[in-house]
Amino acid sequence: MKAFNKTKPRKSTKVPFKILDENEDLATIYRDVTGAERLPFIIHKKVKNLDTGECVRGRWQITHALTGYGMGIHGTYSFCRAVANDLMGQPILYLPCQKMMSKHEDFHAVTRLVEEVMAKHAHLNPVPSLPSP
């Protein structure tokens, strides 16, 4: 299993995003965003607006490549990289759909592990400073 590179990606990759469509049904859309894929994750620039593809400067996020669900993990590239590389060895994350994952007996343990790994690498993710008045 190949880890994410230390250097930030510069090429675009197709990223799946889960959205609610006009009928309030869950749908997957794809956008080209600067990032890199290493199953089961994609680390990519944090998207501010899916319609325009506008990204948040200096912010990255992790998306589960197989389902298109955001992992709720975002921040600096170094932080996202460290968290993703630590979680790659979890077999449950290679399941192809959210339903299978959430019904798996290890789901709650892996959810706690994600929180622990994020805390472990928090030093790589400083809180952005607010603009001066």
N, C-alpha and C. Protein backbone atom coordinates (compact mmCIF):
# COMPACT_ATOMS: atom_id res chain seq x y z
N MET A 1 0.85 -1.16 0.00
CA MET A 1 0.00 0.00 0.00
C MET A 1 0.90 1.23 0.00
N LYS A 2 0.71 2.08 -0.99
CA LYS A 2 1.56 3.24 -1.20
C LYS A 2 1.05 4.42 -0.39
N ALA A 3 1.96 5.05 0.35
CA ALA A 3 1.60 6.20 1.18
C ALA A 3 1.54 7.47 0.34
N PHE A 4 0.91 8.50 0.89
CA PHE A 4 0.88 9.81 0.23
C PHE A 4 2.25 10.46 0.30
N ASN A 5 2.63 11.16 -0.76
CA ASN A 5 3.92 11.84 -0.84
C ASN A 5 3.99 13.00 0.15
N LYS A 6 5.22 13.36 0.51
CA LYS A 6 5.43 14.51 1.39
C LYS A 6 5.11 15.82 0.68
N THR A 7 5.35 15.86 -0.63
CA THR A 7 5.08 17.09 -1.37
C THR A 7 3.61 17.15 -1.76
N LYS A 8 3.08 18.36 -1.74
CA LYS A 8 1.67 18.56 -2.09
C LYS A 8 1.43 18.21 -3.55
N PRO A 9 0.29 17.59 -3.84
CA PRO A 9 -0.04 17.29 -5.24
C PRO A 9 -0.23 18.57 -6.04
N ARG A 10 0.07 18.50 -7.32
CA ARG A 10 -0.12 19.65 -8.21
C ARG A 10 -1.06 19.32 -9.36
N LYS A 11 -1.33 18.05 -9.57
CA LYS A 11 -2.19 17.64 -10.67
C LYS A 11 -3.62 17.48 -10.20
N SER A 12 -4.53 17.57 -11.15
CA SER A 12 -5.95 17.38 -10.85
C SER A 12 -6.28 15.90 -10.81
N THR A 13 -7.22 15.58 -9.97
CA THR A 13 -7.75 14.22 -9.91
C THR A 13 -9.26 14.33 -9.82
N LYS A 14 -9.96 13.33 -10.31
CA LYS A 14 -11.42 13.32 -10.27
C LYS A 14 -11.86 12.89 -8.87
N VAL A 15 -12.59 13.78 -8.19
CA VAL A 15 -13.02 13.53 -6.82
C VAL A 15 -14.53 13.37 -6.77
N PRO A 16 -15.03 12.28 -6.13
CA PRO A 16 -16.47 12.12 -5.97
C PRO A 16 -16.96 12.92 -4.76
N PHE A 17 -18.11 13.57 -4.90
CA PHE A 17 -18.73 14.28 -3.79
C PHE A 17 -20.17 13.82 -3.65
N LYS A 18 -20.60 13.55 -2.43
CA LYS A 18 -22.00 13.21 -2.17
C LYS A 18 -22.77 14.51 -1.94
N ILE A 19 -23.88 14.66 -2.66
CA ILE A 19 -24.73 15.85 -2.51
C ILE A 19 -26.19 15.42 -2.49
N LEU A 20 -27.05 16.32 -2.07
CA LEU A 20 -28.49 16.10 -2.20
C LEU A 20 -28.93 16.77 -3.49
N ASP A 21 -29.64 16.02 -4.35
CA ASP A 21 -30.10 16.61 -5.60
C ASP A 21 -31.41 17.38 -5.36
N GLU A 22 -32.00 17.89 -6.43
CA GLU A 22 -33.21 18.71 -6.31
C GLU A 22 -34.39 17.96 -5.70
N ASN A 23 -34.36 16.62 -5.73
CA ASN A 23 -35.43 15.81 -5.12
C ASN A 23 -35.07 15.34 -3.71
N GLU A 24 -33.98 15.92 -3.17
CA GLU A 24 -33.49 15.54 -1.84
C GLU A 24 -32.96 14.11 -1.79
N ASP A 25 -32.60 13.57 -2.95
CA ASP A 25 -32.00 12.24 -3.01
C ASP A 25 -30.48 12.40 -3.01
N LEU A 26 -29.80 11.42 -2.41
CA LEU A 26 -28.34 11.44 -2.37
C LEU A 26 -27.79 11.10 -3.75
N ALA A 27 -26.88 11.92 -4.24
CA ALA A 27 -26.28 11.71 -5.55
C ALA A 27 -24.77 11.92 -5.44
N THR A 28 -24.04 11.34 -6.38
CA THR A 28 -22.60 11.52 -6.44
C THR A 28 -22.28 12.35 -7.68
N ILE A 29 -21.51 13.41 -7.47
CA ILE A 29 -21.02 14.20 -8.59
C ILE A 29 -19.49 14.15 -8.55
N TYR A 30 -18.87 14.39 -9.68
CA TYR A 30 -17.41 14.35 -9.77
C TYR A 30 -16.89 15.71 -10.21
N ARG A 31 -15.82 16.13 -9.57
CA ARG A 31 -15.16 17.39 -9.92
C ARG A 31 -13.66 17.15 -10.01
N ASP A 32 -13.03 17.84 -10.96
CA ASP A 32 -11.56 17.80 -11.05
C ASP A 32 -11.00 18.79 -10.04
N VAL A 33 -10.23 18.27 -9.09
CA VAL A 33 -9.66 19.10 -8.03
C VAL A 33 -8.20 18.69 -7.87
N THR A 34 -7.35 19.64 -7.52
CA THR A 34 -5.95 19.32 -7.27
C THR A 34 -5.87 18.37 -6.08
N GLY A 35 -5.25 17.22 -6.30
CA GLY A 35 -5.16 16.23 -5.23
C GLY A 35 -4.47 14.96 -5.69
N ALA A 36 -4.48 13.97 -4.80
CA ALA A 36 -3.87 12.68 -5.09
C ALA A 36 -4.72 11.57 -4.49
N GLU A 37 -4.76 10.45 -5.16
CA GLU A 37 -5.54 9.29 -4.70
C GLU A 37 -4.61 8.15 -4.33
N ARG A 38 -4.82 7.61 -3.17
CA ARG A 38 -4.20 6.38 -2.71
C ARG A 38 -5.32 5.64 -2.00
N LEU A 39 -5.82 4.62 -2.63
CA LEU A 39 -6.97 3.93 -2.03
C LEU A 39 -6.69 3.58 -0.58
N PRO A 40 -7.65 3.82 0.28
CA PRO A 40 -9.05 4.19 0.05
C PRO A 40 -9.34 5.68 0.12
N PHE A 41 -8.33 6.55 0.03
CA PHE A 41 -8.54 7.98 0.22
C PHE A 41 -8.12 8.81 -0.98
N ILE A 42 -8.68 10.02 -1.01
CA ILE A 42 -8.20 11.08 -1.89
C ILE A 42 -7.94 12.27 -0.98
N ILE A 43 -6.73 12.81 -1.04
CA ILE A 43 -6.46 14.08 -0.37
C ILE A 43 -6.50 15.13 -1.45
N HIS A 44 -7.33 16.13 -1.26
CA HIS A 44 -7.50 17.17 -2.28
C HIS A 44 -7.74 18.52 -1.63
N LYS A 45 -7.58 19.56 -2.42
CA LYS A 45 -7.85 20.90 -1.91
C LYS A 45 -9.30 20.96 -1.45
N LYS A 46 -9.52 21.66 -0.35
CA LYS A 46 -10.87 21.80 0.21
C LYS A 46 -11.70 22.66 -0.73
N VAL A 47 -12.80 22.10 -1.19
CA VAL A 47 -13.67 22.78 -2.15
C VAL A 47 -14.68 23.65 -1.39
N LYS A 48 -14.73 24.90 -1.79
CA LYS A 48 -15.64 25.87 -1.17
C LYS A 48 -17.00 25.87 -1.87
N ASN A 49 -16.96 25.72 -3.20
CA ASN A 49 -18.18 25.79 -4.00
C ASN A 49 -18.12 24.73 -5.09
N LEU A 50 -18.99 23.72 -5.02
CA LEU A 50 -18.96 22.63 -5.99
C LEU A 50 -19.38 23.08 -7.39
N ASP A 51 -20.20 24.13 -7.48
CA ASP A 51 -20.63 24.61 -8.79
C ASP A 51 -19.47 25.26 -9.56
N THR A 52 -18.68 26.07 -8.87
CA THR A 52 -17.59 26.78 -9.53
C THR A 52 -16.26 26.06 -9.40
N GLY A 53 -16.16 25.12 -8.47
CA GLY A 53 -14.89 24.43 -8.22
C GLY A 53 -13.92 25.25 -7.40
N GLU A 54 -14.39 26.38 -6.85
CA GLU A 54 -13.53 27.25 -6.05
C GLU A 54 -13.06 26.52 -4.80
N CYS A 55 -11.77 26.66 -4.50
CA CYS A 55 -11.16 25.98 -3.36
C CYS A 55 -10.78 26.98 -2.28
N VAL A 56 -10.61 26.47 -1.06
CA VAL A 56 -10.18 27.28 0.06
C VAL A 56 -8.65 27.27 0.06
N ARG A 57 -8.05 28.43 -0.02
CA ARG A 57 -6.60 28.53 -0.13
C ARG A 57 -5.90 27.91 1.09
N GLY A 58 -4.94 27.02 0.81
CA GLY A 58 -4.12 26.44 1.87
C GLY A 58 -4.80 25.35 2.69
N ARG A 59 -6.01 24.98 2.33
CA ARG A 59 -6.74 23.95 3.09
C ARG A 59 -6.94 22.72 2.22
N TRP A 60 -6.81 21.56 2.85
CA TRP A 60 -6.95 20.27 2.18
C TRP A 60 -7.97 19.44 2.94
N GLN A 61 -8.50 18.42 2.30
CA GLN A 61 -9.44 17.53 2.98
C GLN A 61 -9.27 16.11 2.48
N ILE A 62 -9.80 15.17 3.27
CA ILE A 62 -9.75 13.76 2.89
C ILE A 62 -11.15 13.31 2.53
N THR A 63 -11.27 12.69 1.36
CA THR A 63 -12.53 12.09 0.91
C THR A 63 -12.30 10.60 0.77
N HIS A 64 -13.29 9.82 1.18
CA HIS A 64 -13.23 8.37 1.00
C HIS A 64 -13.47 8.09 -0.47
N ALA A 65 -12.46 7.58 -1.16
CA ALA A 65 -12.50 7.42 -2.62
C ALA A 65 -13.59 6.47 -3.10
N LEU A 66 -13.91 5.46 -2.32
CA LEU A 66 -14.86 4.44 -2.78
C LEU A 66 -16.31 4.86 -2.62
N THR A 67 -16.59 5.75 -1.67
CA THR A 67 -17.98 6.16 -1.42
C THR A 67 -18.26 7.60 -1.81
N GLY A 68 -17.23 8.45 -1.82
CA GLY A 68 -17.43 9.86 -2.10
C GLY A 68 -17.79 10.67 -0.86
N TYR A 69 -17.83 10.03 0.28
CA TYR A 69 -18.15 10.75 1.51
C TYR A 69 -16.91 11.45 2.05
N GLY A 70 -17.10 12.69 2.49
CA GLY A 70 -16.04 13.40 3.18
C GLY A 70 -15.80 12.73 4.53
N MET A 71 -14.56 12.70 4.95
CA MET A 71 -14.22 12.05 6.22
C MET A 71 -14.32 13.02 7.39
N GLY A 72 -14.58 14.28 7.12
CA GLY A 72 -14.61 15.28 8.18
C GLY A 72 -13.21 15.65 8.64
N ILE A 73 -12.22 15.35 7.82
CA ILE A 73 -10.83 15.62 8.15
C ILE A 73 -10.33 16.66 7.15
N HIS A 74 -9.95 17.82 7.66
CA HIS A 74 -9.44 18.87 6.79
C HIS A 74 -8.46 19.73 7.54
N GLY A 75 -7.60 20.39 6.79
CA GLY A 75 -6.58 21.24 7.39
C GLY A 75 -5.40 21.36 6.46
N THR A 76 -4.20 21.39 7.02
CA THR A 76 -3.00 21.50 6.20
C THR A 76 -2.77 20.18 5.45
N TYR A 77 -2.00 20.26 4.38
CA TYR A 77 -1.69 19.03 3.65
C TYR A 77 -0.93 18.06 4.54
N SER A 78 0.01 18.57 5.35
CA SER A 78 0.81 17.70 6.23
C SER A 78 -0.08 16.93 7.20
N PHE A 79 -1.08 17.61 7.75
CA PHE A 79 -2.01 16.98 8.67
C PHE A 79 -2.82 15.89 7.97
N CYS A 80 -3.43 16.24 6.84
CA CYS A 80 -4.26 15.26 6.11
C CYS A 80 -3.42 14.06 5.67
N ARG A 81 -2.21 14.32 5.22
CA ARG A 81 -1.31 13.24 4.79
C ARG A 81 -0.99 12.29 5.94
N ALA A 82 -0.64 12.86 7.10
CA ALA A 82 -0.29 12.03 8.26
C ALA A 82 -1.48 11.18 8.71
N VAL A 83 -2.66 11.79 8.76
CA VAL A 83 -3.86 11.06 9.18
C VAL A 83 -4.19 9.95 8.18
N ALA A 84 -4.20 10.27 6.90
CA ALA A 84 -4.53 9.28 5.87
C ALA A 84 -3.53 8.13 5.87
N ASN A 85 -2.25 8.44 5.96
CA ASN A 85 -1.24 7.38 5.97
C ASN A 85 -1.39 6.47 7.18
N ASP A 86 -1.76 7.02 8.33
CA ASP A 86 -1.97 6.19 9.53
C ASP A 86 -3.20 5.30 9.43
N LEU A 87 -4.21 5.75 8.69
CA LEU A 87 -5.47 4.99 8.61
C LEU A 87 -5.51 3.97 7.48
N MET A 88 -4.57 4.02 6.57
CA MET A 88 -4.61 3.15 5.38
C MET A 88 -4.64 1.65 5.71
N GLY A 89 -4.13 1.27 6.85
CA GLY A 89 -4.08 -0.14 7.20
C GLY A 89 -5.37 -0.71 7.77
N GLN A 90 -6.42 0.09 7.84
CA GLN A 90 -7.69 -0.36 8.42
C GLN A 90 -8.55 -1.04 7.34
N PRO A 91 -8.72 -2.35 7.41
CA PRO A 91 -9.46 -3.07 6.36
C PRO A 91 -10.88 -2.56 6.12
N ILE A 92 -11.56 -2.11 7.16
CA ILE A 92 -12.94 -1.65 7.01
C ILE A 92 -13.05 -0.48 6.03
N LEU A 93 -11.99 0.32 5.91
CA LEU A 93 -12.02 1.49 5.04
C LEU A 93 -11.94 1.12 3.55
N TYR A 94 -11.70 -0.15 3.26
CA TYR A 94 -11.65 -0.61 1.87
C TYR A 94 -13.00 -1.18 1.42
N LEU A 95 -13.99 -1.14 2.30
CA LEU A 95 -15.32 -1.60 1.90
C LEU A 95 -15.91 -0.59 0.92
N PRO A 96 -16.70 -1.06 -0.06
CA PRO A 96 -17.11 -0.19 -1.17
C PRO A 96 -18.29 0.74 -0.91
N CYS A 97 -18.97 0.59 0.22
CA CYS A 97 -20.11 1.48 0.44
C CYS A 97 -20.29 1.78 1.93
N GLN A 98 -20.91 2.91 2.20
CA GLN A 98 -21.11 3.38 3.56
C GLN A 98 -21.98 2.41 4.36
N LYS A 99 -22.96 1.82 3.72
CA LYS A 99 -23.86 0.89 4.41
C LYS A 99 -23.09 -0.32 4.96
N MET A 100 -22.19 -0.87 4.14
CA MET A 100 -21.39 -2.02 4.59
C MET A 100 -20.47 -1.61 5.75
N MET A 101 -19.89 -0.42 5.63
CA MET A 101 -18.99 0.05 6.69
C MET A 101 -19.74 0.24 8.01
N SER A 102 -20.88 0.92 7.95
CA SER A 102 -21.60 1.25 9.18
C SER A 102 -22.17 0.01 9.87
N LYS A 103 -22.38 -1.07 9.13
CA LYS A 103 -22.89 -2.30 9.73
C LYS A 103 -21.76 -3.24 10.19
N HIS A 104 -20.54 -2.90 9.85
CA HIS A 104 -19.40 -3.74 10.21
C HIS A 104 -19.16 -3.66 11.72
N GLU A 105 -18.76 -4.79 12.30
CA GLU A 105 -18.55 -4.85 13.75
C GLU A 105 -17.44 -3.93 14.25
N ASP A 106 -16.50 -3.55 13.39
CA ASP A 106 -15.40 -2.67 13.78
C ASP A 106 -15.66 -1.19 13.52
N PHE A 107 -16.85 -0.85 13.05
CA PHE A 107 -17.14 0.53 12.65
C PHE A 107 -16.90 1.53 13.77
N HIS A 108 -17.43 1.26 14.96
CA HIS A 108 -17.29 2.22 16.06
C HIS A 108 -15.84 2.32 16.54
N ALA A 109 -15.13 1.20 16.52
CA ALA A 109 -13.72 1.22 16.91
C ALA A 109 -12.89 2.05 15.93
N VAL A 110 -13.18 1.93 14.65
CA VAL A 110 -12.44 2.70 13.65
C VAL A 110 -12.82 4.18 13.73
N THR A 111 -14.08 4.47 14.05
CA THR A 111 -14.49 5.87 14.23
C THR A 111 -13.70 6.51 15.37
N ARG A 112 -13.54 5.78 16.47
CA ARG A 112 -12.73 6.28 17.59
C ARG A 112 -11.26 6.41 17.18
N LEU A 113 -10.77 5.45 16.40
CA LEU A 113 -9.39 5.49 15.94
C LEU A 113 -9.14 6.74 15.09
N VAL A 114 -10.08 7.09 14.23
CA VAL A 114 -9.93 8.29 13.40
C VAL A 114 -9.75 9.52 14.30
N GLU A 115 -10.56 9.62 15.33
CA GLU A 115 -10.45 10.75 16.26
C GLU A 115 -9.09 10.75 16.97
N GLU A 116 -8.62 9.57 17.38
CA GLU A 116 -7.33 9.47 18.05
C GLU A 116 -6.18 9.86 17.12
N VAL A 117 -6.24 9.42 15.87
CA VAL A 117 -5.19 9.74 14.90
C VAL A 117 -5.20 11.24 14.60
N MET A 118 -6.39 11.83 14.50
CA MET A 118 -6.46 13.27 14.28
C MET A 118 -5.84 14.02 15.45
N ALA A 119 -6.12 13.58 16.67
CA ALA A 119 -5.53 14.23 17.86
C ALA A 119 -4.01 14.05 17.88
N LYS A 120 -3.56 12.88 17.49
CA LYS A 120 -2.12 12.58 17.47
C LYS A 120 -1.36 13.54 16.55
N HIS A 121 -1.98 13.92 15.45
CA HIS A 121 -1.32 14.76 14.45
C HIS A 121 -1.80 16.22 14.49
N ALA A 122 -2.51 16.60 15.55
CA ALA A 122 -3.06 17.96 15.63
C ALA A 122 -1.98 19.04 15.54
N HIS A 123 -0.77 18.71 15.98
CA HIS A 123 0.33 19.69 15.92
C HIS A 123 0.67 20.10 14.48
N LEU A 124 0.24 19.29 13.51
CA LEU A 124 0.49 19.60 12.10
C LEU A 124 -0.62 20.48 11.51
N ASN A 125 -1.61 20.81 12.32
CA ASN A 125 -2.79 21.49 11.82
C ASN A 125 -3.11 22.72 12.68
N PRO A 126 -2.27 23.76 12.63
CA PRO A 126 -2.54 24.92 13.46
C PRO A 126 -3.85 25.60 13.05
N VAL A 127 -4.49 26.21 14.02
CA VAL A 127 -5.74 26.92 13.77
C VAL A 127 -5.40 28.16 12.92
N PRO A 128 -6.12 28.34 11.81
CA PRO A 128 -5.83 29.52 10.97
C PRO A 128 -6.09 30.80 11.75
N SER A 129 -5.23 31.79 11.56
CA SER A 129 -5.43 33.05 12.26
C SER A 129 -6.53 33.87 11.57
N LEU A 130 -7.22 34.65 12.37
CA LEU A 130 -8.26 35.51 11.83
C LEU A 130 -7.61 36.75 11.21
N PRO A 131 -8.23 37.30 10.18
CA PRO A 131 -7.66 38.50 9.58
C PRO A 131 -7.70 39.67 10.56
N SER A 132 -6.73 40.54 10.45
CA SER A 132 -6.68 41.72 11.31
C SER A 132 -7.83 42.68 10.97
N PRO A 133 -8.39 43.32 12.00
CA PRO A 133 -9.50 44.27 11.72
C PRO A 133 -9.01 45.50 10.99
